N, C-alpha and C. Protein backbone atom coordinates (compact mmCIF):
# COMPACT_ATOMS: atom_id res chain seq x y z
N MET A 1 135.97 88.64 120.87
CA MET A 1 134.93 88.39 119.91
C MET A 1 133.70 89.24 120.23
N LYS A 2 133.37 89.27 121.53
CA LYS A 2 132.21 90.04 121.96
C LYS A 2 132.44 91.54 121.72
N ARG A 3 133.66 92.00 121.96
CA ARG A 3 133.98 93.41 121.75
C ARG A 3 133.90 93.77 120.27
N LEU A 4 134.35 92.87 119.43
CA LEU A 4 134.30 93.12 117.98
C LEU A 4 132.84 93.24 117.52
N PHE A 5 131.99 92.38 118.01
CA PHE A 5 130.57 92.42 117.67
C PHE A 5 129.94 93.73 118.15
N ILE A 6 130.25 94.13 119.37
CA ILE A 6 129.71 95.38 119.93
C ILE A 6 130.21 96.58 119.13
N ALA A 7 131.47 96.56 118.75
CA ALA A 7 132.04 97.66 117.97
C ALA A 7 131.37 97.74 116.59
N ALA A 8 131.15 96.59 115.96
CA ALA A 8 130.51 96.57 114.65
C ALA A 8 129.06 97.06 114.76
N LEU A 9 128.37 96.60 115.77
CA LEU A 9 126.99 97.02 115.99
C LEU A 9 126.92 98.53 116.26
N ALA A 10 127.84 99.04 117.05
CA ALA A 10 127.88 100.47 117.34
C ALA A 10 128.13 101.27 116.05
N GLY A 11 129.01 100.77 115.20
CA GLY A 11 129.29 101.44 113.93
C GLY A 11 128.07 101.51 113.04
N ILE A 12 127.33 100.42 112.99
CA ILE A 12 126.11 100.38 112.18
C ILE A 12 125.07 101.35 112.73
N VAL A 13 124.89 101.34 114.03
CA VAL A 13 123.90 102.22 114.67
C VAL A 13 124.26 103.69 114.42
N LEU A 14 125.54 104.00 114.48
CA LEU A 14 125.96 105.39 114.25
C LEU A 14 125.82 105.78 112.78
N ALA A 15 125.94 104.83 111.87
CA ALA A 15 125.85 105.14 110.44
C ALA A 15 124.41 105.25 109.96
N LEU A 16 123.46 104.65 110.63
CA LEU A 16 122.07 104.69 110.18
C LEU A 16 121.50 106.09 109.99
N PRO A 17 121.72 107.01 110.93
CA PRO A 17 121.19 108.36 110.69
C PRO A 17 121.77 109.02 109.44
N LEU A 18 123.01 108.73 109.10
CA LEU A 18 123.62 109.30 107.91
C LEU A 18 122.97 108.75 106.65
N TRP A 19 122.59 107.48 106.67
CA TRP A 19 121.91 106.89 105.54
C TRP A 19 120.60 107.59 105.27
N SER A 20 119.86 107.86 106.32
CA SER A 20 118.54 108.48 106.14
C SER A 20 118.65 109.91 105.66
N VAL A 21 119.72 110.60 105.99
CA VAL A 21 119.89 111.98 105.55
C VAL A 21 120.21 112.04 104.07
N ALA A 22 121.12 111.20 103.61
CA ALA A 22 121.61 111.29 102.24
C ALA A 22 120.72 110.56 101.23
N ALA A 23 119.89 109.65 101.68
CA ALA A 23 119.09 108.85 100.76
C ALA A 23 117.87 109.64 100.27
N PRO A 24 117.54 109.48 98.97
CA PRO A 24 116.32 110.11 98.47
C PRO A 24 115.09 109.47 99.12
N ASP A 25 114.01 110.23 99.23
CA ASP A 25 112.78 109.66 99.79
C ASP A 25 112.12 108.77 98.73
N GLU A 26 111.02 108.12 99.11
CA GLU A 26 110.37 107.14 98.23
C GLU A 26 109.89 107.76 96.92
N THR A 27 109.31 108.94 96.99
CA THR A 27 108.86 109.62 95.77
C THR A 27 110.03 109.91 94.85
N GLN A 28 111.13 110.37 95.43
CA GLN A 28 112.30 110.67 94.61
C GLN A 28 112.89 109.39 94.00
N LYS A 29 112.86 108.29 94.74
CA LYS A 29 113.34 107.02 94.19
C LYS A 29 112.51 106.61 92.98
N GLN A 30 111.19 106.78 93.09
CA GLN A 30 110.31 106.45 91.97
C GLN A 30 110.59 107.36 90.77
N LEU A 31 110.81 108.63 91.04
CA LEU A 31 111.10 109.57 89.96
C LEU A 31 112.44 109.26 89.30
N ILE A 32 113.42 108.88 90.08
CA ILE A 32 114.73 108.51 89.52
C ILE A 32 114.57 107.32 88.58
N GLN A 33 113.81 106.33 89.02
CA GLN A 33 113.58 105.14 88.20
C GLN A 33 112.85 105.51 86.91
N ARG A 34 111.83 106.35 87.02
CA ARG A 34 111.07 106.76 85.83
C ARG A 34 111.94 107.60 84.89
N ALA A 35 112.82 108.42 85.45
CA ALA A 35 113.72 109.22 84.61
C ALA A 35 114.67 108.31 83.84
N GLN A 36 115.14 107.25 84.47
CA GLN A 36 116.01 106.31 83.78
C GLN A 36 115.26 105.59 82.66
N GLU A 37 114.02 105.21 82.92
CA GLU A 37 113.19 104.57 81.89
C GLU A 37 112.95 105.53 80.73
N ALA A 38 112.67 106.79 81.05
CA ALA A 38 112.42 107.79 80.01
C ALA A 38 113.68 108.02 79.18
N LYS A 39 114.83 108.00 79.82
CA LYS A 39 116.09 108.20 79.11
C LYS A 39 116.32 107.06 78.11
N LYS A 40 115.99 105.84 78.52
CA LYS A 40 116.11 104.69 77.61
C LYS A 40 115.14 104.84 76.44
N LYS A 41 113.94 105.32 76.71
CA LYS A 41 112.94 105.52 75.66
C LYS A 41 113.44 106.57 74.67
N LEU A 42 114.04 107.64 75.18
CA LEU A 42 114.56 108.70 74.30
C LEU A 42 115.72 108.17 73.45
N ALA A 43 116.60 107.39 74.05
CA ALA A 43 117.72 106.81 73.29
C ALA A 43 117.20 105.88 72.19
N ALA A 44 116.18 105.11 72.50
CA ALA A 44 115.58 104.23 71.49
C ALA A 44 114.95 105.05 70.37
N ALA A 45 114.31 106.16 70.73
CA ALA A 45 113.70 107.03 69.71
C ALA A 45 114.77 107.62 68.80
N GLU A 46 115.90 108.00 69.38
CA GLU A 46 116.98 108.57 68.58
C GLU A 46 117.53 107.56 67.58
N ALA A 47 117.42 106.28 67.91
CA ALA A 47 117.97 105.23 67.05
C ALA A 47 117.01 104.81 65.94
N THR A 48 115.79 105.35 65.94
CA THR A 48 114.80 104.97 64.93
C THR A 48 114.47 106.16 64.04
N GLN A 49 113.62 105.90 63.07
CA GLN A 49 113.21 106.94 62.13
C GLN A 49 111.70 106.84 61.88
N GLY A 50 111.15 107.86 61.27
CA GLY A 50 109.77 107.84 60.79
C GLY A 50 108.72 107.77 61.87
N THR A 51 107.66 107.00 61.57
CA THR A 51 106.52 106.94 62.48
C THR A 51 106.87 106.26 63.80
N GLU A 52 107.80 105.31 63.77
CA GLU A 52 108.23 104.66 65.02
C GLU A 52 108.89 105.68 65.95
N ARG A 53 109.70 106.57 65.37
CA ARG A 53 110.34 107.62 66.17
C ARG A 53 109.28 108.55 66.76
N GLN A 54 108.33 108.95 65.95
CA GLN A 54 107.27 109.85 66.43
C GLN A 54 106.51 109.21 67.59
N LYS A 55 106.20 107.93 67.45
CA LYS A 55 105.48 107.22 68.51
C LYS A 55 106.30 107.20 69.80
N MET A 56 107.58 106.91 69.69
CA MET A 56 108.45 106.84 70.87
C MET A 56 108.63 108.22 71.50
N VAL A 57 108.73 109.25 70.68
CA VAL A 57 108.87 110.62 71.20
C VAL A 57 107.60 111.01 71.95
N GLN A 58 106.44 110.65 71.41
CA GLN A 58 105.19 110.95 72.10
C GLN A 58 105.11 110.22 73.43
N GLU A 59 105.57 108.97 73.47
CA GLU A 59 105.59 108.23 74.73
C GLU A 59 106.53 108.90 75.73
N HIS A 60 107.67 109.36 75.22
CA HIS A 60 108.63 110.07 76.09
C HIS A 60 108.02 111.35 76.62
N MET A 61 107.34 112.10 75.75
CA MET A 61 106.70 113.34 76.19
C MET A 61 105.66 113.06 77.29
N LYS A 62 104.89 112.01 77.12
CA LYS A 62 103.89 111.64 78.13
C LYS A 62 104.58 111.30 79.45
N MET A 63 105.68 110.57 79.38
CA MET A 63 106.42 110.23 80.60
C MET A 63 106.91 111.51 81.29
N MET A 64 107.41 112.45 80.50
CA MET A 64 107.90 113.71 81.06
C MET A 64 106.76 114.49 81.71
N GLN A 65 105.60 114.52 81.07
CA GLN A 65 104.45 115.23 81.64
C GLN A 65 104.03 114.60 82.96
N ASP A 66 103.98 113.28 82.99
CA ASP A 66 103.60 112.58 84.22
C ASP A 66 104.61 112.85 85.34
N MET A 67 105.89 112.81 84.99
CA MET A 67 106.93 113.07 85.99
C MET A 67 106.86 114.51 86.50
N MET A 68 106.58 115.44 85.60
CA MET A 68 106.49 116.84 86.00
C MET A 68 105.34 117.03 86.99
N ALA A 69 104.21 116.39 86.72
CA ALA A 69 103.08 116.48 87.64
C ALA A 69 103.44 115.89 89.00
N GLN A 70 104.15 114.79 88.98
CA GLN A 70 104.56 114.15 90.23
C GLN A 70 105.56 115.03 90.99
N MET A 71 106.45 115.69 90.27
CA MET A 71 107.44 116.55 90.92
C MET A 71 106.78 117.79 91.51
N ARG A 72 105.73 118.30 90.86
CA ARG A 72 105.03 119.46 91.40
C ARG A 72 104.37 119.13 92.74
N LYS A 73 103.89 117.90 92.87
CA LYS A 73 103.23 117.47 94.10
C LYS A 73 104.21 117.10 95.20
N ALA A 74 105.45 116.79 94.84
CA ALA A 74 106.44 116.32 95.82
C ALA A 74 106.75 117.41 96.84
N LYS A 75 106.73 117.04 98.08
CA LYS A 75 107.04 117.96 99.18
C LYS A 75 107.96 117.24 100.16
N PRO A 76 108.88 117.96 100.76
CA PRO A 76 109.73 117.33 101.78
C PRO A 76 108.88 116.94 103.00
N ALA A 77 109.31 115.92 103.68
CA ALA A 77 108.59 115.45 104.87
C ALA A 77 108.59 116.54 105.95
N ALA A 78 107.53 116.57 106.72
CA ALA A 78 107.43 117.55 107.81
C ALA A 78 108.46 117.22 108.89
N GLY A 79 108.99 118.24 109.50
CA GLY A 79 109.91 118.06 110.62
C GLY A 79 111.34 117.71 110.24
N MET A 80 111.70 117.94 109.00
CA MET A 80 113.08 117.66 108.58
C MET A 80 114.03 118.66 109.21
N LYS A 81 115.21 118.17 109.51
CA LYS A 81 116.27 119.06 109.97
C LYS A 81 116.78 119.83 108.76
N PRO A 82 117.42 120.98 108.99
CA PRO A 82 117.91 121.78 107.86
C PRO A 82 118.81 121.01 106.89
N GLU A 83 119.69 120.16 107.42
CA GLU A 83 120.57 119.40 106.52
C GLU A 83 119.79 118.36 105.72
N GLN A 84 118.73 117.79 106.32
CA GLN A 84 117.89 116.85 105.59
C GLN A 84 117.11 117.57 104.50
N MET A 85 116.63 118.76 104.83
CA MET A 85 115.90 119.57 103.86
C MET A 85 116.81 119.92 102.68
N ARG A 86 118.04 120.27 102.97
CA ARG A 86 119.01 120.60 101.92
C ARG A 86 119.25 119.40 101.00
N GLU A 87 119.40 118.22 101.61
CA GLU A 87 119.59 116.99 100.84
C GLU A 87 118.38 116.73 99.94
N TRP A 88 117.18 116.92 100.48
CA TRP A 88 115.96 116.69 99.71
C TRP A 88 115.90 117.66 98.53
N ILE A 89 116.19 118.91 98.80
CA ILE A 89 116.17 119.93 97.75
C ILE A 89 117.22 119.62 96.69
N ASP A 90 118.42 119.24 97.11
CA ASP A 90 119.48 118.89 96.16
C ASP A 90 119.04 117.75 95.24
N GLU A 91 118.43 116.73 95.83
CA GLU A 91 117.96 115.59 95.03
C GLU A 91 116.85 116.03 94.07
N HIS A 92 115.97 116.88 94.53
CA HIS A 92 114.89 117.41 93.69
C HIS A 92 115.48 118.21 92.52
N MET A 93 116.50 119.00 92.80
CA MET A 93 117.15 119.78 91.75
C MET A 93 117.84 118.86 90.73
N LYS A 94 118.47 117.78 91.19
CA LYS A 94 119.09 116.82 90.27
C LYS A 94 118.05 116.22 89.34
N LEU A 95 116.90 115.87 89.90
CA LEU A 95 115.83 115.31 89.09
C LEU A 95 115.33 116.33 88.07
N MET A 96 115.18 117.56 88.48
CA MET A 96 114.74 118.61 87.57
C MET A 96 115.75 118.81 86.44
N GLN A 97 117.01 118.77 86.79
CA GLN A 97 118.07 118.93 85.77
C GLN A 97 118.04 117.77 84.78
N GLU A 98 117.83 116.56 85.28
CA GLU A 98 117.75 115.39 84.40
C GLU A 98 116.56 115.53 83.45
N MET A 99 115.44 115.98 83.96
CA MET A 99 114.26 116.16 83.12
C MET A 99 114.51 117.23 82.05
N MET A 100 115.11 118.32 82.45
CA MET A 100 115.39 119.40 81.49
C MET A 100 116.36 118.90 80.40
N SER A 101 117.34 118.15 80.81
CA SER A 101 118.31 117.60 79.86
C SER A 101 117.62 116.70 78.84
N GLN A 102 116.73 115.84 79.33
CA GLN A 102 116.01 114.95 78.41
C GLN A 102 115.09 115.73 77.48
N MET A 103 114.41 116.73 78.02
CA MET A 103 113.51 117.52 77.18
C MET A 103 114.29 118.30 76.12
N MET A 104 115.46 118.80 76.47
CA MET A 104 116.28 119.51 75.49
C MET A 104 116.78 118.54 74.41
N SER A 105 117.19 117.34 74.82
CA SER A 105 117.62 116.35 73.84
C SER A 105 116.49 115.99 72.89
N GLU A 106 115.31 115.82 73.46
CA GLU A 106 114.12 115.52 72.65
C GLU A 106 113.85 116.66 71.67
N HIS A 107 113.92 117.88 72.16
CA HIS A 107 113.68 119.06 71.33
C HIS A 107 114.71 119.13 70.19
N HIS A 108 115.98 118.93 70.51
CA HIS A 108 117.03 119.00 69.49
C HIS A 108 116.85 117.90 68.45
N MET A 109 116.44 116.72 68.90
CA MET A 109 116.21 115.62 67.97
C MET A 109 115.06 115.98 67.02
N MET A 110 113.98 116.52 67.56
CA MET A 110 112.84 116.87 66.73
C MET A 110 113.19 118.03 65.78
N MET A 111 113.89 119.01 66.29
CA MET A 111 114.24 120.17 65.47
C MET A 111 115.28 119.80 64.42
N GLY A 112 116.15 118.87 64.74
CA GLY A 112 117.16 118.42 63.78
C GLY A 112 116.52 117.84 62.54
N GLY A 113 115.47 117.05 62.73
CA GLY A 113 114.77 116.48 61.60
C GLY A 113 114.06 117.54 60.78
N MET A 114 113.50 118.53 61.47
CA MET A 114 112.79 119.59 60.78
C MET A 114 113.75 120.52 60.05
N GLN A 115 114.88 120.83 60.69
CA GLN A 115 115.83 121.75 60.08
C GLN A 115 116.49 121.14 58.85
N GLY A 116 116.67 119.84 58.86
CA GLY A 116 117.24 119.18 57.69
C GLY A 116 116.41 119.46 56.46
N GLY A 117 115.08 119.42 56.62
CA GLY A 117 114.19 119.71 55.52
C GLY A 117 114.14 121.18 55.20
N MET A 118 114.18 122.02 56.20
CA MET A 118 114.09 123.47 56.00
C MET A 118 115.40 124.01 55.44
N MET A 119 116.51 123.52 55.94
CA MET A 119 117.79 124.07 55.55
C MET A 119 118.19 123.63 54.14
N GLY A 120 117.61 122.53 53.67
CA GLY A 120 117.96 122.06 52.34
C GLY A 120 117.63 123.05 51.25
N GLY A 121 116.61 123.85 51.44
CA GLY A 121 116.22 124.82 50.43
C GLY A 121 116.90 126.16 50.58
N MET A 122 117.59 126.38 51.67
CA MET A 122 118.21 127.68 51.90
C MET A 122 119.51 127.81 51.09
N GLY A 123 119.75 128.98 50.62
CA GLY A 123 121.00 129.27 49.93
C GLY A 123 120.96 128.91 48.46
N LYS A 124 119.85 128.31 48.03
CA LYS A 124 119.72 127.96 46.61
C LYS A 124 119.01 129.09 45.89
N LYS A 125 119.45 129.38 44.67
CA LYS A 125 118.81 130.44 43.89
C LYS A 125 118.32 129.91 42.59
């Protein structure tokens, strides 16, 4: 019983450094959460029309601007090992990709509404 406890404790102690390497830092955790909230806001905007859609899109744009400012300020912790730095950069790149994806979806949604009106008159003589 004592050996089993010692073995389990040793396993946990050995796994702790791996957790800290692969886990996003606190700023990145906050950004991930905000990106998820923004994605929900964008999905809700896509499901609505008119002034409600415009309001939700503006709220989404504000969220994106705030997140972008926060990402510009984000810096990896001092004294990171190269593999920790790589993990931090990878997580930062994932966040940037998520933001770009949301901004493109927002852009396509906005342009889709505009093109519907513009394209309706094309090809008619």
